[in-house]
Amino acid sequence: MAVFTLLAIFLAATKLSAAGYCDADNEETYSYHGSRNGPRQWPRLFTDCNGNKQSPIDIKTSNVKRDRHLKQLSFFGYDRAVRRADILNDGHTVMITPGDNVKRGITIQGRDYNLLQLHFHWGSEKNPGAEHTLNRRRFEMEAHFVHISSDNRIAVVGVLVQMVNKDNQAFKPIVRVLSDVLYKDESRRLRSSLNLNQLLPESPGSYYRYTGSLTTPMCAEGVAWFVLQSKQTIGQNQLNSFLKVYSVEKEDRSSDCLLAPNNRPIQNLNGRAIYASP
């Protein structure tokens, strides 16, 4: 009888340890839900992911340094609607790449950084998936606007997104095509114009500034991060559309292979300063 009891306990423990892992994700270079290549394994698999200036971080507002010399973040071209763009499920996120040849970006200390793409990290109300946290609070989603300068410096604008009951009109062009990119490597063109200004929150010029890294392998450091102080919103039904997206191809789909949550765990600050604009 004792043998059967021990066997039952062993089988139950094995089942629990395997739950939440996506076997198909283990075939990728890295993943969010693979047992062998998930975020906890990245520092072992990728040297730079073990650096001391990694992202994301927790922004503790009581320790933030107010810098009166920091200027408001200046956006250019964001007021021109994106009339042509592709949306891609790359197995790690949903990425939008403008293709209308309009110059958009941000200006930092007189240097222009051009917009490359924007993508999202998300979870749900019970399991939020933003990457940066604010005083240890994690929001449901985070949008990343990735920019690059002419000398290959990277600057990312992070927008924390909170779930609310009412739909946000700014997300409608994206949500409308999510059902076309449910599976890895599926790509579609947006069916309607996308207004980047509307995806930004009110007062987008105010931010938290620090030096960090890309939040996915190869985790390259030296990235200028601007996490906006104001929050954006997304409707609950709109967020639910993101929750249907998979990290794998259609034939490999399972409940363990949904993309969300696709956020990297919080990294150590390691003495770095976080600055706040006025």
Protein backbone atom coordinates (compact mmCIF):
# COMPACT_ATOMS: atom_id res chain seq x y z
CA MET A 1 0.00 0.00 0.00
CA ALA A 2 2.84 2.36 0.90
CA VAL A 3 4.49 1.72 -2.47
CA PHE A 4 1.33 2.72 -4.34
CA THR A 5 1.01 5.84 -2.18
CA LEU A 6 4.59 6.88 -2.90
CA LEU A 7 4.08 6.21 -6.61
CA ALA A 8 0.94 8.36 -6.63
CA ILE A 9 2.79 11.21 -4.88
CA PHE A 10 5.67 10.94 -7.36
CA LEU A 11 3.37 11.04 -10.37
CA ALA A 12 1.46 14.02 -8.97
CA ALA A 13 4.69 15.90 -8.28
CA THR A 14 5.95 15.15 -11.79
CA LYS A 15 2.73 16.46 -13.29
CA LEU A 16 2.90 19.64 -11.24
CA SER A 17 6.54 20.29 -12.14
CA ALA A 18 5.75 19.96 -15.84
CA ALA A 19 2.64 22.17 -15.74
CA GLY A 20 3.01 25.57 -17.35
CA TYR A 21 5.84 24.49 -19.66
CA CYS A 22 5.48 24.35 -23.43
CA ASP A 23 7.45 21.47 -24.96
CA ALA A 24 7.44 23.07 -28.42
CA ASP A 25 9.04 26.22 -26.97
CA ASN A 26 12.07 24.16 -25.97
CA GLU A 27 12.94 23.87 -29.67
CA GLU A 28 13.50 27.64 -29.87
CA THR A 29 16.70 29.53 -29.10
CA TYR A 30 14.90 31.08 -26.15
CA SER A 31 11.34 31.23 -24.88
CA TYR A 32 9.12 32.40 -22.04
CA HIS A 33 7.55 29.02 -21.25
CA GLY A 34 10.13 26.38 -22.14
CA SER A 35 11.54 24.29 -19.30
CA ARG A 36 15.08 24.44 -20.72
CA ASN A 37 15.26 27.91 -22.28
CA GLY A 38 12.88 30.09 -20.26
CA PRO A 39 13.89 33.45 -18.71
CA ARG A 40 15.48 31.87 -15.64
CA GLN A 41 17.85 30.03 -17.98
CA TRP A 42 18.84 33.02 -20.12
CA PRO A 43 21.86 34.05 -17.98
CA ARG A 44 23.22 30.53 -18.42
CA LEU A 45 22.51 30.35 -22.15
CA PHE A 46 23.48 33.89 -23.16
CA THR A 47 26.51 35.62 -21.64
CA ASP A 48 25.16 39.17 -21.91
CA CYS A 49 21.98 38.20 -20.07
CA ASN A 50 24.20 37.79 -17.00
CA GLY A 51 25.39 41.42 -17.14
CA ASN A 52 25.00 43.94 -14.33
CA LYS A 53 22.96 46.51 -16.27
CA GLN A 54 20.00 44.39 -17.29
CA SER A 55 16.34 45.24 -17.88
CA PRO A 56 13.57 45.34 -16.81
CA ILE A 57 13.79 46.80 -13.32
CA ASP A 58 11.51 47.91 -10.52
CA ILE A 59 11.19 51.68 -10.40
CA LYS A 60 10.96 52.68 -6.75
CA THR A 61 9.76 56.25 -6.89
CA SER A 62 11.14 57.16 -3.43
CA ASN A 63 14.66 56.42 -4.71
CA VAL A 64 14.32 58.18 -8.06
CA LYS A 65 16.57 61.19 -8.58
CA ARG A 66 14.77 64.28 -9.86
CA ASP A 67 16.87 65.97 -12.52
CA ARG A 68 15.76 69.48 -13.46
CA HIS A 69 18.20 69.46 -16.36
CA LEU A 70 16.39 66.62 -18.12
CA LYS A 71 14.30 67.90 -20.98
CA GLN A 72 10.85 66.67 -21.92
CA LEU A 73 10.99 63.75 -24.32
CA SER A 74 10.51 65.08 -27.85
CA PHE A 75 8.63 62.92 -30.37
CA PHE A 76 8.68 63.65 -34.10
CA GLY A 77 6.47 62.11 -36.78
CA TYR A 78 4.26 60.39 -34.19
CA ASP A 79 1.48 62.78 -35.15
CA ARG A 80 1.37 61.30 -38.66
CA ALA A 81 -0.87 58.24 -38.83
CA VAL A 82 0.81 54.99 -39.90
CA ARG A 83 -1.09 54.09 -43.06
CA ARG A 84 0.95 51.01 -43.91
CA ALA A 85 2.37 48.59 -41.37
CA ASP A 86 2.92 44.87 -40.89
CA ILE A 87 2.05 42.99 -37.72
CA LEU A 88 4.02 39.84 -36.93
CA ASN A 89 3.78 37.11 -34.32
CA ASP A 90 7.43 36.08 -33.95
CA GLY A 91 6.74 33.60 -31.16
CA HIS A 92 7.89 36.03 -28.48
CA THR A 93 5.67 39.06 -29.02
CA VAL A 94 3.36 40.81 -31.45
CA MET A 95 5.46 43.32 -33.37
CA ILE A 96 4.34 46.19 -35.59
CA THR A 97 6.73 47.59 -38.19
CA PRO A 98 5.71 50.75 -40.05
CA GLY A 99 6.29 50.57 -43.78
CA ASP A 100 5.18 53.98 -45.03
CA ASN A 101 8.67 55.58 -45.09
CA VAL A 102 7.61 58.38 -42.74
CA LYS A 103 10.40 59.46 -40.40
CA ARG A 104 9.28 59.00 -36.81
CA GLY A 105 11.22 58.92 -33.60
CA ILE A 106 12.51 60.78 -30.56
CA THR A 107 15.20 63.40 -30.04
CA ILE A 108 17.58 63.00 -27.10
CA GLN A 109 20.17 65.72 -26.43
CA GLY A 110 20.04 66.82 -30.05
CA ARG A 111 20.42 63.30 -31.42
CA ASP A 112 17.60 61.72 -33.46
CA TYR A 113 16.57 58.12 -32.79
CA ASN A 114 14.35 56.69 -35.52
CA LEU A 115 11.47 54.33 -34.75
CA LEU A 116 12.17 50.76 -35.83
CA GLN A 117 9.17 48.92 -34.44
CA LEU A 118 6.82 48.65 -31.51
CA HIS A 119 5.84 45.50 -29.66
CA PHE A 120 4.01 44.40 -26.54
CA HIS A 121 4.47 42.39 -23.36
CA TRP A 122 1.22 41.34 -21.72
CA GLY A 123 -0.56 39.18 -19.23
CA SER A 124 -3.99 39.26 -17.60
CA GLU A 125 -5.63 40.85 -14.59
CA LYS A 126 -4.68 37.85 -12.45
CA ASN A 127 -1.27 37.36 -14.05
CA PRO A 128 -0.10 40.78 -15.31
CA GLY A 129 2.65 40.85 -17.89
CA ALA A 130 4.25 44.30 -18.05
CA GLU A 131 8.02 44.12 -17.76
CA HIS A 132 8.91 47.15 -15.63
CA THR A 133 7.20 47.48 -12.27
CA LEU A 134 6.39 50.67 -10.40
CA ASN A 135 6.90 50.37 -6.66
CA ARG A 136 6.62 46.60 -7.18
CA ARG A 137 3.28 46.95 -8.91
CA ARG A 138 3.06 45.15 -12.24
CA PHE A 139 0.55 46.39 -14.81
CA GLU A 140 -1.29 44.20 -17.31
CA MET A 141 0.70 45.28 -20.38
CA GLU A 142 3.73 47.24 -21.54
CA ALA A 143 4.32 48.70 -24.99
CA HIS A 144 7.89 49.16 -26.23
CA PHE A 145 8.70 51.69 -28.93
CA VAL A 146 12.19 50.74 -30.15
CA HIS A 147 14.38 53.44 -31.72
CA ILE A 148 17.89 53.52 -33.17
CA SER A 149 20.26 56.39 -33.98
CA SER A 150 22.49 56.74 -37.02
CA ASP A 151 25.42 55.40 -34.97
CA ASN A 152 23.40 52.35 -33.81
CA ARG A 153 22.54 53.51 -30.31
CA ILE A 154 19.26 52.10 -29.04
CA ALA A 155 16.59 53.97 -27.09
CA VAL A 156 13.35 52.36 -25.97
CA VAL A 157 10.24 54.17 -24.78
CA GLY A 158 8.25 51.97 -22.42
CA VAL A 159 4.54 52.62 -21.84
CA LEU A 160 2.83 50.93 -18.91
CA VAL A 161 -0.72 49.89 -19.82
CA GLN A 162 -3.51 49.31 -17.31
CA MET A 163 -6.61 47.25 -18.01
CA VAL A 164 -9.97 49.05 -17.74
CA ASN A 165 -13.53 48.15 -18.70
CA LYS A 166 -13.83 50.57 -21.61
CA ASP A 167 -12.13 49.88 -24.96
CA ASN A 168 -9.30 52.19 -26.02
CA GLN A 169 -9.82 53.40 -29.59
CA ALA A 170 -6.04 53.55 -30.14
CA PHE A 171 -5.74 49.76 -29.87
CA LYS A 172 -8.57 48.96 -32.29
CA PRO A 173 -6.43 48.73 -35.48
CA ILE A 174 -4.18 46.22 -33.68
CA VAL A 175 -6.86 44.13 -32.01
CA ARG A 176 -8.73 43.94 -35.30
CA VAL A 177 -5.98 41.79 -36.88
CA LEU A 178 -4.82 39.75 -33.88
CA SER A 179 -6.96 36.82 -34.99
CA ASP A 180 -4.86 36.70 -38.18
CA VAL A 181 -1.57 36.30 -36.27
CA LEU A 182 -2.54 33.86 -33.54
CA TYR A 183 0.37 31.54 -34.33
CA LYS A 184 4.14 31.89 -34.64
CA ASP A 185 5.46 33.36 -37.92
CA GLU A 186 2.04 34.58 -39.04
CA SER A 187 2.13 38.09 -40.46
CA ARG A 188 -0.51 40.46 -41.81
CA ARG A 189 -0.84 44.05 -42.90
CA LEU A 190 -2.85 46.36 -40.66
CA ARG A 191 -6.26 47.02 -42.21
CA SER A 192 -6.62 50.56 -40.89
CA SER A 193 -4.37 53.48 -39.97
CA LEU A 194 -2.56 53.40 -36.64
CA ASN A 195 -2.17 56.61 -34.66
CA LEU A 196 0.99 56.32 -32.57
CA ASN A 197 0.24 59.55 -30.72
CA GLN A 198 -2.93 57.95 -29.40
CA LEU A 199 -1.02 54.88 -28.21
CA LEU A 200 1.05 57.19 -26.02
CA PRO A 201 -0.50 58.36 -22.74
CA GLU A 202 -1.23 61.96 -21.89
CA SER A 203 1.89 63.99 -21.05
CA PRO A 204 4.28 61.59 -22.83
CA GLY A 205 7.22 63.94 -22.32
CA SER A 206 7.67 63.00 -18.63
CA TYR A 207 9.61 59.83 -17.93
CA TYR A 208 11.88 57.71 -15.76
CA ARG A 209 15.33 57.40 -17.32
CA TYR A 210 17.99 54.73 -16.75
CA THR A 211 20.60 52.72 -18.64
CA GLY A 212 19.75 49.07 -19.17
CA SER A 213 19.51 46.34 -21.78
CA LEU A 214 17.25 44.71 -24.28
CA THR A 215 14.80 42.51 -22.37
CA THR A 216 15.23 39.52 -24.69
CA PRO A 217 18.36 37.62 -25.71
CA MET A 218 20.97 38.56 -26.54
CA CYS A 219 20.22 41.10 -23.73
CA ALA A 220 22.63 43.69 -25.16
CA GLU A 221 23.39 46.47 -22.68
CA GLY A 222 23.83 50.19 -23.25
CA VAL A 223 20.14 50.76 -24.02
CA ALA A 224 18.69 54.14 -23.05
CA TRP A 225 15.35 53.46 -21.35
CA PHE A 226 12.55 56.00 -21.03
CA VAL A 227 9.63 54.58 -19.07
CA LEU A 228 6.83 57.12 -19.30
CA GLN A 229 5.39 58.34 -16.01
CA SER A 230 1.82 58.51 -17.32
CA LYS A 231 -0.09 55.27 -17.99
CA GLN A 232 -2.09 54.15 -20.99
CA THR A 233 -5.21 51.96 -20.85
CA ILE A 234 -6.57 48.96 -22.71
CA GLY A 235 -10.09 47.53 -22.51
CA GLN A 236 -10.63 44.16 -20.88
CA ASN A 237 -12.09 42.71 -24.07
CA GLN A 238 -9.15 44.07 -26.06
CA LEU A 239 -6.67 42.50 -23.64
CA ASN A 240 -8.54 39.20 -23.89
CA SER A 241 -7.79 39.22 -27.64
CA PHE A 242 -4.07 39.27 -26.85
CA LEU A 243 -4.54 36.32 -24.48
CA LYS A 244 -5.53 34.11 -27.41
CA VAL A 245 -2.14 34.48 -29.13
CA TYR A 246 0.23 31.47 -29.16
CA SER A 247 4.02 31.28 -29.08
CA VAL A 248 4.05 28.26 -31.42
CA GLU A 249 2.82 27.24 -34.84
CA LYS A 250 -0.76 26.06 -35.19
CA GLU A 251 0.02 22.35 -35.16
CA ASP A 252 1.83 22.70 -31.80
CA ARG A 253 -0.84 24.73 -30.01
CA SER A 254 -1.82 23.81 -26.48
CA SER A 255 -2.93 25.69 -23.37
CA ASP A 256 0.69 25.70 -22.14
CA CYS A 257 1.88 27.34 -25.37
CA LEU A 258 -0.05 30.58 -25.16
CA LEU A 259 2.28 33.55 -25.48
CA ALA A 260 1.18 35.35 -22.32
CA PRO A 261 2.69 36.25 -20.02
CA ASN A 262 5.76 37.22 -22.05
CA ASN A 263 7.68 39.33 -19.58
CA ARG A 264 11.20 38.88 -18.29
CA PRO A 265 11.59 38.81 -14.48
CA ILE A 266 12.79 41.96 -12.71
CA GLN A 267 16.58 42.37 -12.78
CA ASN A 268 18.86 43.71 -10.06
CA LEU A 269 19.53 47.44 -10.18
CA ASN A 270 23.19 46.91 -9.14
CA GLY A 271 23.68 50.48 -8.01
CA ARG A 272 22.30 52.14 -11.13
CA ALA A 273 20.61 55.50 -10.76
CA ILE A 274 17.08 56.11 -12.04
CA TYR A 275 16.33 59.69 -13.01
CA ALA A 276 12.99 61.42 -13.40
CA SER A 277 12.26 64.31 -15.70
CA PRO A 278 10.48 67.36 -14.26
